[in-house]
C-alpha atoms as a PDB file:
ATOM      1  CA  MET A   1      18.067  -2.072  11.189  1.00  0.00           C
ATOM      2  CA  THR A   2      20.374  -4.013   8.864  1.00  0.00           C
ATOM      3  CA  ASP A   3      17.530  -6.263   7.676  1.00  0.00           C
ATOM      4  CA  PRO A   4      15.681  -4.934   4.596  1.00  0.00           C
ATOM      5  CA  ASP A   5      12.552  -6.778   5.709  1.00  0.00           C
ATOM      6  CA  VAL A   6      12.494  -4.612   8.853  1.00  0.00           C
ATOM      7  CA  THR A   7      13.310  -1.237   7.302  1.00  0.00           C
ATOM      8  CA  LEU A   8      10.897  -1.726   4.395  1.00  0.00           C
ATOM      9  CA  ARG A   9       8.049  -2.601   6.762  1.00  0.00           C
ATOM     10  CA  LEU A  10       8.813   0.466   8.879  1.00  0.00           C
ATOM     11  CA  VAL A  11       7.790   2.671   5.954  1.00  0.00           C
ATOM     12  CA  THR A  12       4.248   2.071   7.260  1.00  0.00           C
ATOM     13  CA  PHE A  13       5.114   4.842   9.742  1.00  0.00           C
ATOM     14  CA  VAL A  14       5.490   7.232   6.809  1.00  0.00           C
ATOM     15  CA  ALA A  15       2.160   6.085   5.386  1.00  0.00           C
ATOM     16  CA  ALA A  16       0.461   6.583   8.766  1.00  0.00           C
ATOM     17  CA  CYS A  17       1.778  10.147   9.090  1.00  0.00           C
ATOM     18  CA  ALA A  18       0.660  10.850   5.525  1.00  0.00           C
ATOM     19  CA  VAL A  19      -2.875   9.584   6.097  1.00  0.00           C
ATOM     20  CA  ILE A  20      -3.368  11.667   9.257  1.00  0.00           C
ATOM     21  CA  ASP A  21      -1.765  14.697   7.587  1.00  0.00           C
ATOM     22  CA  THR A  22      -4.217  14.613   4.684  1.00  0.00           C
ATOM     23  CA  ARG A  23      -7.138  14.517   7.143  1.00  0.00           C
ATOM     24  CA  LEU A  24      -6.005  17.669   9.002  1.00  0.00           C
ATOM     25  CA  PRO A  25      -5.621  20.333   6.294  1.00  0.00           C
ATOM     26  CA  SER A  26      -7.364  22.969   8.432  1.00  0.00           C
ATOM     27  CA  ASN A  27      -4.679  22.822  11.145  1.00  0.00           C
ATOM     28  CA  VAL A  28      -1.680  24.287   9.343  1.00  0.00           C
ATOM     29  CA  TRP A  29       0.924  23.677  12.041  1.00  0.00           C
ATOM     30  CA  VAL A  30      -0.098  20.092  12.748  1.00  0.00           C
ATOM     31  CA  SER A  31      -0.194  19.393   9.018  1.00  0.00           C
ATOM     32  CA  ARG A  32       3.281  20.856   8.528  1.00  0.00           C
ATOM     33  CA  LEU A  33       4.681  18.972  11.500  1.00  0.00           C
ATOM     34  CA  LEU A  34       3.319  15.631  10.293  1.00  0.00           C
ATOM     35  CA  GLY A  35       4.538  16.384   6.784  1.00  0.00           C
ATOM     36  CA  ALA A  36       8.033  17.125   8.049  1.00  0.00           C
ATOM     37  CA  VAL A  37       8.050  13.953  10.163  1.00  0.00           C
ATOM     38  CA  ALA A  38       6.843  11.894   7.184  1.00  0.00           C
ATOM     39  CA  LEU A  39       9.468  13.350   4.837  1.00  0.00           C
ATOM     40  CA  SER A  40      12.402  13.017   7.256  1.00  0.00           C
ATOM     41  CA  SER A  41      11.484   9.468   8.304  1.00  0.00           C
ATOM     42  CA  TRP A  42      11.016   8.497   4.649  1.00  0.00           C
ATOM     43  CA  LEU A  43      14.494   9.748   3.783  1.00  0.00           C
ATOM     44  CA  VAL A  44      16.054   7.785   6.650  1.00  0.00           C
ATOM     45  CA  LEU A  45      14.157   4.566   5.982  1.00  0.00           C
ATOM     46  CA  ILE A  46      14.665   4.640   2.218  1.00  0.00           C
ATOM     47  CA  MET A  47      18.416   5.180   2.643  1.00  0.00           C
ATOM     48  CA  LEU A  48      18.630   2.363   5.192  1.00  0.00           C
ATOM     49  CA  SER A  49      16.589   0.056   2.949  1.00  0.00           C
ATOM     50  CA  ALA A  50      18.742   0.893  -0.078  1.00  0.00           C
ATOM     51  CA  ARG A  51      21.903   0.188   1.935  1.00  0.00           C
ATOM     52  CA  ASN A  52      20.499  -3.098   3.233  1.00  0.00           C
ATOM     53  CA  MET A  53      19.399  -4.256  -0.217  1.00  0.00           C
ATOM     54  CA  LEU A  54      22.633  -3.268  -1.942  1.00  0.00           C
ATOM     55  CA  ALA A  55      24.560  -5.307   0.628  1.00  0.00           C
ATOM     56  CA  ARG A  56      22.828  -8.487  -0.583  1.00  0.00           C
ATOM     57  CA  HIS A  57      22.896 -10.406  -3.826  1.00  0.00           C
ATOM     58  CA  TRP A  58      19.825 -10.201  -6.037  1.00  0.00           C
ATOM     59  CA  THR A  59      19.075 -13.891  -5.560  1.00  0.00           C
ATOM     60  CA  VAL A  60      19.069 -13.420  -1.768  1.00  0.00           C
ATOM     61  CA  LEU A  61      16.628 -10.532  -2.117  1.00  0.00           C
ATOM     62  CA  ARG A  62      14.491 -12.650  -4.438  1.00  0.00           C
ATOM     63  CA  ASN A  63      14.294 -15.485  -1.925  1.00  0.00           C
ATOM     64  CA  HIS A  64      13.002 -13.167   0.805  1.00  0.00           C
ATOM     65  CA  ALA A  65      10.799 -10.826  -1.234  1.00  0.00           C
ATOM     66  CA  HIS A  66       7.097 -10.760  -0.350  1.00  0.00           C
ATOM     67  CA  GLY A  67       4.096  -8.466  -0.552  1.00  0.00           C
ATOM     68  CA  ALA A  68       4.966  -6.392   2.514  1.00  0.00           C
ATOM     69  CA  TRP A  69       8.002  -5.035   0.667  1.00  0.00           C
ATOM     70  CA  GLU A  70       5.555  -3.026  -1.456  1.00  0.00           C
ATOM     71  CA  LEU A  71       4.999  -0.894   1.673  1.00  0.00           C
ATOM     72  CA  ALA A  72       8.006   1.140   0.528  1.00  0.00           C
ATOM     73  CA  SER A  73       6.008   2.147  -2.541  1.00  0.00           C
ATOM     74  CA  VAL A  74       2.832   2.683  -0.501  1.00  0.00           C
ATOM     75  CA  GLY A  75       4.580   5.057   1.906  1.00  0.00           C
ATOM     76  CA  THR A  76       6.212   6.950  -0.960  1.00  0.00           C
ATOM     77  CA  SER A  77       2.855   7.427  -2.705  1.00  0.00           C
ATOM     78  CA  GLY A  78       1.395   8.676   0.569  1.00  0.00           C
ATOM     79  CA  LEU A  79       4.246  11.158   0.845  1.00  0.00           C
ATOM     80  CA  ALA A  80       3.576  12.331  -2.725  1.00  0.00           C
ATOM     81  CA  ILE A  81      -0.039  13.061  -1.758  1.00  0.00           C
ATOM     82  CA  VAL A  82       1.072  15.084   1.286  1.00  0.00           C
ATOM     83  CA  ILE A  83       3.556  17.107  -0.784  1.00  0.00           C
ATOM     84  CA  ALA A  84       0.967  17.786  -3.503  1.00  0.00           C
ATOM     85  CA  ARG A  85      -1.491  19.022  -0.869  1.00  0.00           C
ATOM     86  CA  ALA A  86       1.258  21.233   0.556  1.00  0.00           C
ATOM     87  CA  ALA A  87       1.636  22.785  -2.895  1.00  0.00           C
ATOM     88  CA  TYR A  88      -2.089  23.519  -2.912  1.00  0.00           C
ATOM     89  CA  HIS A  89      -2.372  24.955   0.605  1.00  0.00           C
ATOM     90  CA  THR A  90       0.850  26.996   0.570  1.00  0.00           C
ATOM     91  CA  GLY A  91       0.599  28.201  -3.016  1.00  0.00           C
ATOM     92  CA  HIS A  92       4.267  27.291  -3.570  1.00  0.00           C
ATOM     93  CA  ARG A  93       4.041  25.507  -6.882  1.00  0.00           C
ATOM     94  CA  TRP A  94       7.635  24.262  -6.700  1.00  0.00           C
ATOM     95  CA  TRP A  95       6.324  21.682  -4.214  1.00  0.00           C
ATOM     96  CA  LEU A  96       4.456  20.160  -7.152  1.00  0.00           C
ATOM     97  CA  ALA A  97       7.760  19.188  -8.781  1.00  0.00           C
ATOM     98  CA  VAL A  98       8.765  17.456  -5.538  1.00  0.00           C
ATOM     99  CA  ALA A  99       5.401  15.647  -5.444  1.00  0.00           C
ATOM    100  CA  VAL A 100       5.824  14.415  -9.018  1.00  0.00           C
ATOM    101  CA  SER A 101       9.338  13.188  -8.185  1.00  0.00           C
ATOM    102  CA  ALA A 102       8.021  11.288  -5.158  1.00  0.00           C
ATOM    103  CA  TRP A 103       5.220   9.780  -7.258  1.00  0.00           C
ATOM    104  CA  VAL A 104       7.677   8.608  -9.929  1.00  0.00           C
ATOM    105  CA  ALA A 105       9.887   7.162  -7.188  1.00  0.00           C
ATOM    106  CA  ALA A 106       6.884   5.278  -5.775  1.00  0.00           C
ATOM    107  CA  LEU A 107       6.167   3.741  -9.187  1.00  0.00           C
ATOM    108  CA  CYS A 108       9.821   2.771  -9.658  1.00  0.00           C
ATOM    109  CA  ILE A 109       9.959   1.169  -6.201  1.00  0.00           C
ATOM    110  CA  TYR A 110       6.737  -0.681  -6.976  1.00  0.00           C
ATOM    111  CA  GLY A 111       8.192  -1.982 -10.220  1.00  0.00           C
ATOM    112  CA  MET A 112      11.383  -3.242  -8.553  1.00  0.00           C
ATOM    113  CA  MET A 113       9.568  -4.947  -5.668  1.00  0.00           C
ATOM    114  CA  THR A 114       7.008  -6.519  -7.990  1.00  0.00           C
ATOM    115  CA  TRP A 115       9.810  -7.869 -10.163  1.00  0.00           C
ATOM    116  CA  LEU A 116      11.463  -9.492  -7.121  1.00  0.00           C
ATOM    117  CA  ILE A 117       8.158 -10.979  -5.920  1.00  0.00           C
ATOM    118  CA  LEU A 118       7.250 -12.388  -9.335  1.00  0.00           C
ATOM    119  CA  TRP A 119      10.795 -13.671  -9.817  1.00  0.00           C
ATOM    120  CA  ARG A 120      10.495 -15.556  -6.537  1.00  0.00           C
ATOM    121  CA  ALA A 121       7.075 -16.894  -7.552  1.00  0.00           C
ATOM    122  CA  VAL A 122       8.438 -18.246 -10.828  1.00  0.00           C
ATOM    123  CA  ASN A 123      11.634 -19.588  -9.274  1.00  0.00           C
ATOM    124  CA  GLU A 124       9.895 -21.403  -6.419  1.00  0.00           C
ATOM    125  CA  ARG A 125       6.706 -22.230  -8.332  1.00  0.00           C
ATOM    126  CA  GLN A 126       4.695 -20.251  -5.792  1.00  0.00           C
ATOM    127  CA  ASP A 127       2.019 -19.255  -8.265  1.00  0.00           C
ATOM    128  CA  ARG A 128      -0.502 -21.375  -6.334  1.00  0.00           C
ATOM    129  CA  ASP A 129       0.905 -22.565  -3.039  1.00  0.00           C
ATOM    130  CA  GLY A 130       2.947 -19.522  -2.003  1.00  0.00           C
ATOM    131  CA  PHE A 131       0.025 -17.124  -1.526  1.00  0.00           C
ATOM    132  CA  GLU A 132       0.042 -14.921   1.571  1.00  0.00           C
ATOM    133  CA  PRO A 133      -2.528 -12.237   2.445  1.00  0.00           C
ATOM    134  CA  ASP A 134       0.081  -9.472   2.102  1.00  0.00           C
ATOM    135  CA  THR A 135       0.279 -10.331  -1.605  1.00  0.00           C
ATOM    136  CA  TRP A 136      -2.792  -8.106  -1.965  1.00  0.00           C
ATOM    137  CA  ILE A 137      -0.498  -5.087  -1.597  1.00  0.00           C
ATOM    138  CA  LEU A 138       0.434  -5.729  -5.226  1.00  0.00           C
ATOM    139  CA  MET A 139      -2.999  -4.274  -5.939  1.00  0.00           C
ATOM    140  CA  GLY A 140      -3.130  -1.825  -3.017  1.00  0.00           C
ATOM    141  CA  GLY A 141       0.227  -0.278  -3.931  1.00  0.00           C
ATOM    142  CA  LEU A 142      -1.107   0.695  -7.350  1.00  0.00           C
ATOM    143  CA  ALA A 143      -4.384   1.899  -5.856  1.00  0.00           C
ATOM    144  CA  ILE A 144      -2.652   4.450  -3.620  1.00  0.00           C
ATOM    145  CA  ALA A 145      -0.408   5.417  -6.562  1.00  0.00           C
ATOM    146  CA  THR A 146      -3.639   6.168  -8.422  1.00  0.00           C
ATOM    147  CA  LEU A 147      -4.732   8.470  -5.595  1.00  0.00           C
ATOM    148  CA  ALA A 148      -1.365  10.207  -5.690  1.00  0.00           C
ATOM    149  CA  GLY A 149      -1.652  10.708  -9.444  1.00  0.00           C
ATOM    150  CA  ASP A 150      -5.194  12.028  -9.059  1.00  0.00           C
ATOM    151  CA  THR A 151      -4.062  14.563  -6.435  1.00  0.00           C
ATOM    152  CA  ILE A 152      -1.169  15.737  -8.626  1.00  0.00           C
ATOM    153  CA  HIS A 153      -3.397  15.943 -11.704  1.00  0.00           C
ATOM    154  CA  THR A 154      -5.752  18.444 -10.059  1.00  0.00           C
ATOM    155  CA  LEU A 155      -2.809  20.834  -9.515  1.00  0.00           C
ATOM    156  CA  ALA A 156      -0.746  20.181 -12.621  1.00  0.00           C
ATOM    157  CA  PRO A 157      -0.478  22.739 -15.446  1.00  0.00           C
ATOM    158  CA  ALA A 158      -1.965  21.810 -18.819  1.00  0.00           C
ATOM    159  CA  TRP A 159       1.290  20.479 -20.291  1.00  0.00           C
ATOM    160  CA  LEU A 160       1.738  18.087 -17.346  1.00  0.00           C
ATOM    161  CA  ALA A 161      -1.901  17.213 -16.620  1.00  0.00           C
ATOM    162  CA  ALA A 162      -2.378  15.016 -19.697  1.00  0.00           C
ATOM    163  CA  PRO A 163       0.559  12.614 -19.124  1.00  0.00           C
ATOM    164  CA  VAL A 164      -0.220  12.457 -15.386  1.00  0.00           C
ATOM    165  CA  LEU A 165      -3.805  11.471 -16.188  1.00  0.00           C
ATOM    166  CA  VAL A 166      -2.640   8.756 -18.614  1.00  0.00           C
ATOM    167  CA  VAL A 167      -0.306   7.215 -16.027  1.00  0.00           C
ATOM    168  CA  THR A 168      -2.991   7.483 -13.332  1.00  0.00           C
ATOM    169  CA  VAL A 169      -5.522   5.629 -15.472  1.00  0.00           C
ATOM    170  CA  MET A 170      -2.893   2.980 -16.224  1.00  0.00           C
ATOM    171  CA  THR A 171      -2.165   2.421 -12.526  1.00  0.00           C
ATOM    172  CA  TRP A 172      -5.876   2.015 -11.792  1.00  0.00           C
ATOM    173  CA  VAL A 173      -6.373  -0.391 -14.715  1.00  0.00           C
ATOM    174  CA  THR A 174      -3.360  -2.459 -13.645  1.00  0.00           C
ATOM    175  CA  ALA A 175      -4.622  -2.551 -10.052  1.00  0.00           C
ATOM    176  CA  THR A 176      -7.960  -3.816 -11.400  1.00  0.00           C
ATOM    177  CA  LEU A 177      -6.232  -6.518 -13.452  1.00  0.00           C
ATOM    178  CA  TRP A 178      -4.493  -7.781 -10.300  1.00  0.00           C
ATOM    179  CA  ILE A 179      -7.806  -8.592  -8.602  1.00  0.00           C
ATOM    180  CA  PRO A 180      -8.861 -11.767 -10.523  1.00  0.00           C
ATOM    181  CA  PRO A 181      -5.522 -13.638 -10.130  1.00  0.00           C
ATOM    182  CA  LEU A 182      -5.250 -12.606  -6.469  1.00  0.00           C
ATOM    183  CA  ILE A 183      -8.749 -13.970  -5.802  1.00  0.00           C
ATOM    184  CA  TYR A 184      -8.032 -17.164  -7.735  1.00  0.00           C
ATOM    185  CA  PHE A 185      -4.713 -17.975  -6.078  1.00  0.00           C
ATOM    186  CA  GLY A 186      -6.059 -16.990  -2.665  1.00  0.00           C
ATOM    187  CA  LEU A 187      -9.075 -19.301  -2.934  1.00  0.00           C
ATOM    188  CA  HIS A 188      -6.907 -22.099  -4.304  1.00  0.00           C
ATOM    189  CA  ARG A 189      -4.486 -21.736  -1.403  1.00  0.00           C
ATOM    190  CA  ILE A 190      -7.324 -21.741   1.126  1.00  0.00           C
ATOM    191  CA  ARG A 191      -8.715 -24.961  -0.368  1.00  0.00           C
ATOM    192  CA  GLN A 192      -5.274 -26.557  -0.162  1.00  0.00           C
ATOM    193  CA  GLY A 193      -4.558 -25.306   3.353  1.00  0.00           C
ATOM    194  CA  PRO A 194      -7.487 -23.949   5.404  1.00  0.00           C
ATOM    195  CA  ASP A 195      -4.999 -22.842   8.102  1.00  0.00           C
ATOM    196  CA  LEU A 196      -4.477 -19.723   6.000  1.00  0.00           C
ATOM    197  CA  LEU A 197      -7.813 -18.454   7.331  1.00  0.00           C
ATOM    198  CA  HIS A 198      -6.512 -18.309  10.903  1.00  0.00           C
ATOM    199  CA  PHE A 199      -5.940 -14.834  12.244  1.00  0.00           C
ATOM    200  CA  ALA A 200      -2.631 -13.222  11.336  1.00  0.00           C
ATOM    201  CA  GLY A 201      -1.458  -9.641  11.089  1.00  0.00           C
ATOM    202  CA  LEU A 202      -0.904 -10.171   7.368  1.00  0.00           C
ATOM    203  CA  TRP A 203      -4.667 -10.007   6.825  1.00  0.00           C
ATOM    204  CA  TRP A 204      -4.595  -6.254   7.495  1.00  0.00           C
ATOM    205  CA  ALA A 205      -2.839  -5.877   4.152  1.00  0.00           C
ATOM    206  CA  PHE A 206      -5.924  -7.415   2.528  1.00  0.00           C
ATOM    207  CA  VAL A 207      -8.212  -4.920   4.292  1.00  0.00           C
ATOM    208  CA  PHE A 208      -5.970  -1.994   3.348  1.00  0.00           C
ATOM    209  CA  SER A 209      -5.876  -2.976  -0.317  1.00  0.00           C
ATOM    210  CA  LEU A 210      -9.660  -3.294  -0.618  1.00  0.00           C
ATOM    211  CA  GLY A 211     -10.215   0.076   1.040  1.00  0.00           C
ATOM    212  CA  MET A 212      -7.561   1.786  -1.044  1.00  0.00           C
ATOM    213  CA  TYR A 213      -8.995   0.374  -4.266  1.00  0.00           C
ATOM    214  CA  SER A 214     -12.413   1.707  -3.257  1.00  0.00           C
ATOM    215  CA  ALA A 215     -10.960   5.208  -2.751  1.00  0.00           C
ATOM    216  CA  ALA A 216      -8.998   5.008  -6.014  1.00  0.00           C
ATOM    217  CA  SER A 217     -12.076   3.923  -7.978  1.00  0.00           C
ATOM    218  CA  TYR A 218     -14.063   6.860  -6.632  1.00  0.00           C
ATOM    219  CA  ALA A 219     -11.244   9.236  -7.563  1.00  0.00           C
ATOM    220  CA  MET A 220     -11.229   7.781 -11.077  1.00  0.00           C
ATOM    221  CA  ALA A 221     -15.000   8.168 -11.339  1.00  0.00           C
ATOM    222  CA  VAL A 222     -14.693  11.872 -10.592  1.00  0.00           C
ATOM    223  CA  GLN A 223     -11.586  12.396 -12.706  1.00  0.00           C
ATOM    224  CA  ILE A 224     -12.760  10.793 -15.947  1.00  0.00           C
ATOM    225  CA  GLY A 225     -16.505  11.279 -15.440  1.00  0.00           C
ATOM    226  CA  GLN A 226     -17.451   7.586 -15.369  1.00  0.00           C
ATOM    227  CA  ARG A 227     -20.280   7.389 -12.869  1.00  0.00           C
ATOM    228  CA  GLY A 228     -20.317   3.591 -13.138  1.00  0.00           C
ATOM    229  CA  LEU A 229     -17.081   3.498 -11.190  1.00  0.00           C
ATOM    230  CA  VAL A 230     -18.913   4.928  -8.181  1.00  0.00           C
ATOM    231  CA  THR A 231     -20.781   1.617  -7.938  1.00  0.00           C
ATOM    232  CA  ASP A 232     -17.457  -0.208  -8.182  1.00  0.00           C
ATOM    233  CA  SER A 233     -16.138   1.968  -5.367  1.00  0.00           C
ATOM    234  CA  LEU A 234     -19.156   1.233  -3.167  1.00  0.00           C
ATOM    235  CA  VAL A 235     -18.887  -2.527  -3.744  1.00  0.00           C
ATOM    236  CA  PHE A 236     -15.265  -2.542  -2.629  1.00  0.00           C
ATOM    237  CA  PHE A 237     -16.048  -0.261   0.290  1.00  0.00           C
ATOM    238  CA  TRP A 238     -18.545  -2.786   1.671  1.00  0.00           C
ATOM    239  CA  ASP A 239     -16.096  -5.610   0.945  1.00  0.00           C
ATOM    240  CA  ALA A 240     -13.390  -3.738   2.853  1.00  0.00           C
ATOM    241  CA  LEU A 241     -15.729  -3.063   5.776  1.00  0.00           C
ATOM    242  CA  ALA A 242     -16.787  -6.711   5.945  1.00  0.00           C
ATOM    243  CA  ALA A 243     -13.143  -7.838   5.797  1.00  0.00           C
ATOM    244  CA  TRP A 244     -12.239  -5.332   8.520  1.00  0.00           C
ATOM    245  CA  LEU A 245     -14.986  -6.671  10.795  1.00  0.00           C
ATOM    246  CA  VAL A 246     -13.906 -10.278  10.222  1.00  0.00           C
ATOM    247  CA  VAL A 247     -10.252  -9.506  10.972  1.00  0.00           C
ATOM    248  CA  VAL A 248     -11.155  -7.482  14.075  1.00  0.00           C
ATOM    249  CA  VAL A 249     -13.399 -10.242  15.464  1.00  0.00           C
ATOM    250  CA  ALA A 250     -10.794 -12.918  14.655  1.00  0.00           C
ATOM    251  CA  GLY A 251      -8.122 -10.868  16.380  1.00  0.00           C
ATOM    252  CA  LEU A 252     -10.250 -10.340  19.491  1.00  0.00           C
ATOM    253  CA  LEU A 253     -11.070 -14.052  19.660  1.00  0.00           C
ATOM    254  CA  ARG A 254      -7.370 -14.881  19.329  1.00  0.00           C
ATOM    255  CA  LEU A 255      -6.559 -12.389  22.075  1.00  0.00           C
ATOM    256  CA  GLY A 256      -9.274 -13.884  24.304  1.00  0.00           C
ATOM    257  CA  ARG A 257      -7.816 -17.357  23.905  1.00  0.00           C
ATOM    258  CA  VAL A 258      -4.339 -16.112  24.732  1.00  0.00           C
ATOM    259  CA  LEU A 259      -5.535 -14.325  27.871  1.00  0.00           C
ATOM    260  CA  THR A 260      -7.603 -17.200  29.295  1.00  0.00           C
ATOM    261  CA  PRO A 261      -6.216 -18.502  32.624  1.00  0.00           C
ATOM    262  CA  ALA A 262      -5.656 -22.020  31.253  1.00  0.00           C
ATOM    263  CA  ASN A 263      -3.542 -20.798  28.356  1.00  0.00           C
ATOM    264  CA  ARG A 264      -1.694 -18.332  30.571  1.00  0.00           C
ATOM    265  CA  ASP A 265      -0.735 -21.072  33.015  1.00  0.00           C
ATOM    266  CA  THR A 266       0.349 -23.582  30.389  1.00  0.00           C
ATOM    267  CA  GLY A 267       1.939 -21.063  28.064  1.00  0.00           C
ATOM    268  CA  ARG A 268      -0.126 -22.277  25.111  1.00  0.00           C
ATOM    269  CA  PRO A 269      -0.716 -19.742  22.263  1.00  0.00           C
END
């Protein structure tokens, strides 16, 4: 728990609680319990991550930064969505201020992690050869921030709704702008080293980002009345489903090879 790479990745637990919580609004007690677990675990993990990062020099953090560190922002955006929904279901509007604070924190965390990742890319010339599938969270982190902004916007008073909408549109546009370079560098890396296509847990970050962008595009279509974005959402939904199927099949095949008697006896992976 003294390694920032561990504590930052553990924020996926917060994101998982947030996702399930938003799917169970009809069960008040379960929703409150998951919300409390998400909030308390977020506080612990963020404090541990801050302690671990402050104990290291910026250049050390730069050398180890990678896409999975954006999970801290993803989990915080998920928490903002849960808190905003709590404001809606309980009628306690002061929760909205907490949701906005969490959303702003998610954007700040995203900015800091992105700066470290890009700094490493420039320093080590990883713009082409350093691509990893979890780099897609650079897009997915902004996509879930867009969903958080959309949820807050529906509850915000008139004086707050306009700036929230502007920031939400900006996060979606920036997420969209990430897609071409991520595709380019990913394809270039695959051509240089086809081993990247072998199954790895990092590929789930790719699936998550595609699905989250699909959801964010649909939210934008409803929010700003651009029906064309519904088509964009559907395209990325089918892309995410296809990627999910490929990763699942690859994982099962990998598991089958590991469990075969020959590999078990020889200890081969």
